[in-house]
């Protein structure tokens, strides 16, 4: 029972970190604007495509990330530090209200305007499953690299995608209920949680690379 609770804590921590990193609530206005020209049926299809793509991208990162690091000769601790720095950078942009500028540049925004389908690009990649979410998933998968934990993370990613799908289905109602101010408040709270998670990644990586610092 105790081991199950410990494992459950790991999965919950991964899920919450992923939710804070992607911040689907903050992306809702972007989703609304990108699908404003679509019918309700087309918007639901875009929603499903985007979140299925997010799940596939993160599952691929979970199972193949460690192998990719080995091919390039990158240690998990070095990648953990790099991922932590990236996560902290994204968190700072969330706290300062500049999230969109970090996740999508001007050229990508101009390309979005002429795309007929925005489900995979840019909604799934890079707005949701961006470098931060991918690197975080690789770090967790490498840290707990056995089939038992990987299965738990697999389920957590699936639940995360379902939650995002439900949020986007309720997007018009949430925008009216929360307003831009409410969305900004949630984004900043998620940014604080995300910054703490990024710092933890960095500290863990530094301790592993320089064990003398922990003495």
Protein backbone atom coordinates (compact mmCIF):
# COMPACT_ATOMS: atom_id res chain seq x y z
CA UNK A 1 0.00 0.00 0.00
CA UNK A 2 2.82 2.37 0.91
CA UNK A 3 4.65 1.64 -2.36
CA UNK A 4 1.45 2.27 -4.31
CA UNK A 5 1.00 5.67 -2.63
CA UNK A 6 4.64 6.57 -3.40
CA UNK A 7 4.16 5.61 -7.05
CA UNK A 8 0.88 7.50 -7.20
CA UNK A 9 2.65 10.60 -5.90
CA UNK A 10 5.18 10.32 -8.75
CA UNK A 11 2.42 10.09 -11.36
CA UNK A 12 0.48 12.98 -9.85
CA UNK A 13 3.62 15.11 -9.74
CA UNK A 14 4.31 14.30 -13.40
CA UNK A 15 0.71 15.08 -14.38
CA UNK A 16 0.60 18.39 -12.48
CA UNK A 17 3.99 19.41 -13.88
CA UNK A 18 2.82 18.61 -17.40
CA UNK A 19 -0.40 20.54 -16.87
CA UNK A 20 1.51 23.55 -15.55
CA UNK A 21 4.03 23.35 -18.38
CA UNK A 22 1.52 23.14 -21.22
CA UNK A 23 -1.00 25.44 -19.45
CA UNK A 24 -4.02 24.48 -21.60
CA UNK A 25 -6.18 27.09 -19.85
CA UNK A 26 -3.86 29.82 -21.11
CA UNK A 27 -4.01 28.37 -24.64
CA UNK A 28 -7.83 28.43 -24.74
CA UNK A 29 -8.03 31.99 -26.19
CA UNK A 30 -5.51 30.94 -28.86
CA UNK A 31 -7.60 27.88 -29.66
CA UNK A 32 -10.73 30.02 -29.93
CA UNK A 33 -9.06 32.53 -32.26
CA UNK A 34 -7.54 29.81 -34.49
CA UNK A 35 -10.86 27.99 -34.88
CA UNK A 36 -13.16 31.03 -35.00
CA UNK A 37 -13.85 30.48 -38.71
CA UNK A 38 -14.74 26.80 -38.24
CA UNK A 39 -18.13 25.24 -37.64
CA UNK A 40 -18.78 23.53 -34.31
CA UNK A 41 -18.19 20.12 -35.91
CA UNK A 42 -14.91 21.24 -37.49
CA UNK A 43 -13.77 22.82 -34.21
CA UNK A 44 -14.42 19.56 -32.36
CA UNK A 45 -12.42 17.69 -35.01
CA UNK A 46 -9.54 20.15 -34.62
CA UNK A 47 -9.71 19.72 -30.84
CA UNK A 48 -9.53 15.92 -31.15
CA UNK A 49 -6.69 16.05 -33.68
CA UNK A 50 -4.65 18.46 -31.55
CA UNK A 51 -4.88 16.46 -28.34
CA UNK A 52 -4.35 13.10 -30.03
CA UNK A 53 -1.22 14.58 -31.60
CA UNK A 54 -0.06 15.86 -28.20
CA UNK A 55 -0.47 12.39 -26.71
CA UNK A 56 1.44 10.74 -29.59
CA UNK A 57 4.30 13.28 -29.36
CA UNK A 58 4.66 12.88 -25.59
CA UNK A 59 4.37 9.08 -25.76
CA UNK A 60 7.14 9.05 -28.36
CA UNK A 61 9.28 11.26 -26.12
CA UNK A 62 8.59 8.99 -23.15
CA UNK A 63 9.63 5.74 -24.84
CA UNK A 64 12.28 6.95 -27.31
CA UNK A 65 13.77 9.92 -25.48
CA UNK A 66 16.36 7.92 -23.51
CA UNK A 67 17.52 6.08 -26.65
CA UNK A 68 17.90 9.37 -28.51
CA UNK A 69 20.06 10.77 -25.71
CA UNK A 70 22.28 7.69 -25.85
CA UNK A 71 22.70 8.01 -29.62
CA UNK A 72 23.97 11.57 -29.24
CA UNK A 73 26.02 10.74 -26.14
CA UNK A 74 24.11 13.14 -23.88
CA UNK A 75 23.86 12.25 -20.20
CA UNK A 76 20.46 12.45 -18.58
CA UNK A 77 21.84 14.82 -15.94
CA UNK A 78 23.07 17.28 -18.57
CA UNK A 79 19.73 17.03 -20.34
CA UNK A 80 17.94 17.49 -17.01
CA UNK A 81 19.80 20.77 -16.43
CA UNK A 82 19.11 21.97 -19.99
CA UNK A 83 15.45 20.99 -19.69
CA UNK A 84 15.22 22.72 -16.31
CA UNK A 85 16.62 25.95 -17.75
CA UNK A 86 14.12 25.76 -20.61
CA UNK A 87 11.24 25.11 -18.21
CA UNK A 88 12.28 28.06 -16.01
CA UNK A 89 12.45 30.30 -19.09
CA UNK A 90 8.92 29.30 -20.13
CA UNK A 91 7.72 29.81 -16.55
CA UNK A 92 9.14 33.33 -16.50
CA UNK A 93 7.32 34.13 -19.74
CA UNK A 94 4.08 32.81 -18.22
CA UNK A 95 4.50 34.96 -15.11
CA UNK A 96 5.27 38.04 -17.19
CA UNK A 97 2.35 37.39 -19.56
CA UNK A 98 4.50 36.72 -22.66
CA UNK A 99 3.77 33.03 -23.12
CA UNK A 100 2.77 33.21 -26.78
CA UNK A 101 5.99 34.99 -27.78
CA UNK A 102 8.11 32.09 -26.53
CA UNK A 103 5.98 29.29 -27.97
CA UNK A 104 5.33 30.74 -31.40
CA UNK A 105 7.33 33.30 -33.35
CA UNK A 106 6.00 35.87 -35.83
CA UNK A 107 6.71 33.70 -38.87
CA UNK A 108 4.78 30.77 -37.37
CA UNK A 109 1.87 33.09 -36.57
CA UNK A 110 1.74 34.29 -40.17
CA UNK A 111 1.77 30.70 -41.43
CA UNK A 112 -1.08 29.88 -39.04
CA UNK A 113 -3.30 32.45 -40.72
CA UNK A 114 -3.17 30.58 -44.06
CA UNK A 115 -3.44 27.01 -42.74
CA UNK A 116 -6.73 25.22 -43.22
CA UNK A 117 -5.98 22.73 -40.44
CA UNK A 118 -4.32 23.93 -37.24
CA UNK A 119 -4.81 20.80 -35.13
CA UNK A 120 -1.30 19.37 -35.48
CA UNK A 121 0.64 22.54 -36.27
CA UNK A 122 0.73 24.91 -34.47
CA UNK A 123 -1.74 23.80 -31.75
CA UNK A 124 -0.21 20.43 -30.88
CA UNK A 125 3.32 21.41 -31.90
CA UNK A 126 4.75 23.79 -30.73
CA UNK A 127 2.00 25.45 -28.64
CA UNK A 128 1.15 22.42 -26.47
CA UNK A 129 3.76 19.68 -26.91
CA UNK A 130 6.63 22.14 -27.24
CA UNK A 131 10.29 21.74 -26.27
CA UNK A 132 9.51 22.22 -22.58
CA UNK A 133 6.88 19.47 -22.40
CA UNK A 134 8.99 17.12 -24.53
CA UNK A 135 12.16 17.64 -22.47
CA UNK A 136 10.24 17.27 -19.20
CA UNK A 137 8.71 13.97 -20.40
CA UNK A 138 12.14 12.67 -21.43
CA UNK A 139 13.55 13.59 -18.01
CA UNK A 140 10.79 11.78 -16.13
CA UNK A 141 10.97 8.74 -18.41
CA UNK A 142 14.75 8.50 -17.99
CA UNK A 143 14.62 8.99 -14.24
CA UNK A 144 12.07 6.20 -13.74
CA UNK A 145 13.09 3.96 -16.60
CA UNK A 146 11.25 0.67 -16.09
CA UNK A 147 8.07 -0.70 -17.59
CA UNK A 148 6.07 -0.20 -14.38
CA UNK A 149 6.67 3.55 -14.23
CA UNK A 150 6.54 4.01 -17.99
CA UNK A 151 3.08 2.45 -18.04
CA UNK A 152 1.98 4.86 -15.31
CA UNK A 153 3.38 7.85 -17.23
CA UNK A 154 1.67 6.54 -20.38
CA UNK A 155 -1.68 6.57 -18.59
CA UNK A 156 -0.95 10.02 -17.10
CA UNK A 157 -0.29 11.43 -20.59
CA UNK A 158 -3.54 9.88 -21.86
CA UNK A 159 -5.47 11.45 -18.96
CA UNK A 160 -3.76 14.76 -19.61
CA UNK A 161 -4.81 14.69 -23.28
CA UNK A 162 -8.39 13.87 -22.27
CA UNK A 163 -8.45 16.77 -19.78
CA UNK A 164 -7.15 19.17 -22.47
CA UNK A 165 -9.79 17.86 -24.88
CA UNK A 166 -12.53 18.52 -22.32
CA UNK A 167 -11.19 22.02 -21.60
CA UNK A 168 -11.14 22.90 -25.29
CA UNK A 169 -14.66 21.52 -25.74
CA UNK A 170 -15.75 23.94 -23.02
CA UNK A 171 -13.57 26.75 -24.38
CA UNK A 172 -16.36 29.19 -25.37
CA UNK A 173 -18.01 28.86 -21.96
CA UNK A 174 -14.71 29.12 -20.05
CA UNK A 175 -13.70 32.31 -21.87
CA UNK A 176 -17.02 33.93 -20.97
CA UNK A 177 -16.83 32.69 -17.35
CA UNK A 178 -13.18 33.43 -16.53
CA UNK A 179 -12.57 36.41 -18.77
CA UNK A 180 -9.08 37.41 -19.83
CA UNK A 181 -8.22 38.45 -16.26
CA UNK A 182 -9.10 35.04 -14.85
CA UNK A 183 -7.09 33.28 -17.54
CA UNK A 184 -4.10 35.53 -16.82
CA UNK A 185 -4.29 34.74 -13.09
CA UNK A 186 -4.34 30.98 -13.76
CA UNK A 187 -1.45 31.33 -16.21
CA UNK A 188 0.70 33.10 -13.61
CA UNK A 189 -0.10 30.51 -10.92
CA UNK A 190 0.88 27.76 -13.35
CA UNK A 191 4.06 29.72 -14.09
CA UNK A 192 5.06 29.70 -10.40
CA UNK A 193 4.49 25.94 -10.14
CA UNK A 194 6.43 25.41 -13.34
CA UNK A 195 9.38 27.51 -12.17
CA UNK A 196 9.65 25.43 -8.98
CA UNK A 197 9.63 22.24 -11.08
CA UNK A 198 12.32 23.60 -13.42
CA UNK A 199 14.55 24.59 -10.51
CA UNK A 200 14.15 21.07 -9.09
CA UNK A 201 15.32 19.62 -12.42
CA UNK A 202 18.38 21.90 -12.40
CA UNK A 203 19.29 21.16 -8.76
CA UNK A 204 18.96 17.39 -9.29
CA UNK A 205 21.16 17.51 -12.40
CA UNK A 206 23.83 19.69 -10.75
CA UNK A 207 23.98 17.41 -7.70
CA UNK A 208 24.45 14.37 -9.93
CA UNK A 209 27.18 15.99 -12.07
CA UNK A 210 28.93 17.65 -9.14
CA UNK A 211 28.35 15.40 -6.10
CA UNK A 212 30.85 17.42 -4.06
CA UNK A 213 28.38 20.33 -3.97
CA UNK A 214 25.90 18.24 -1.98
CA UNK A 215 28.38 17.56 0.77
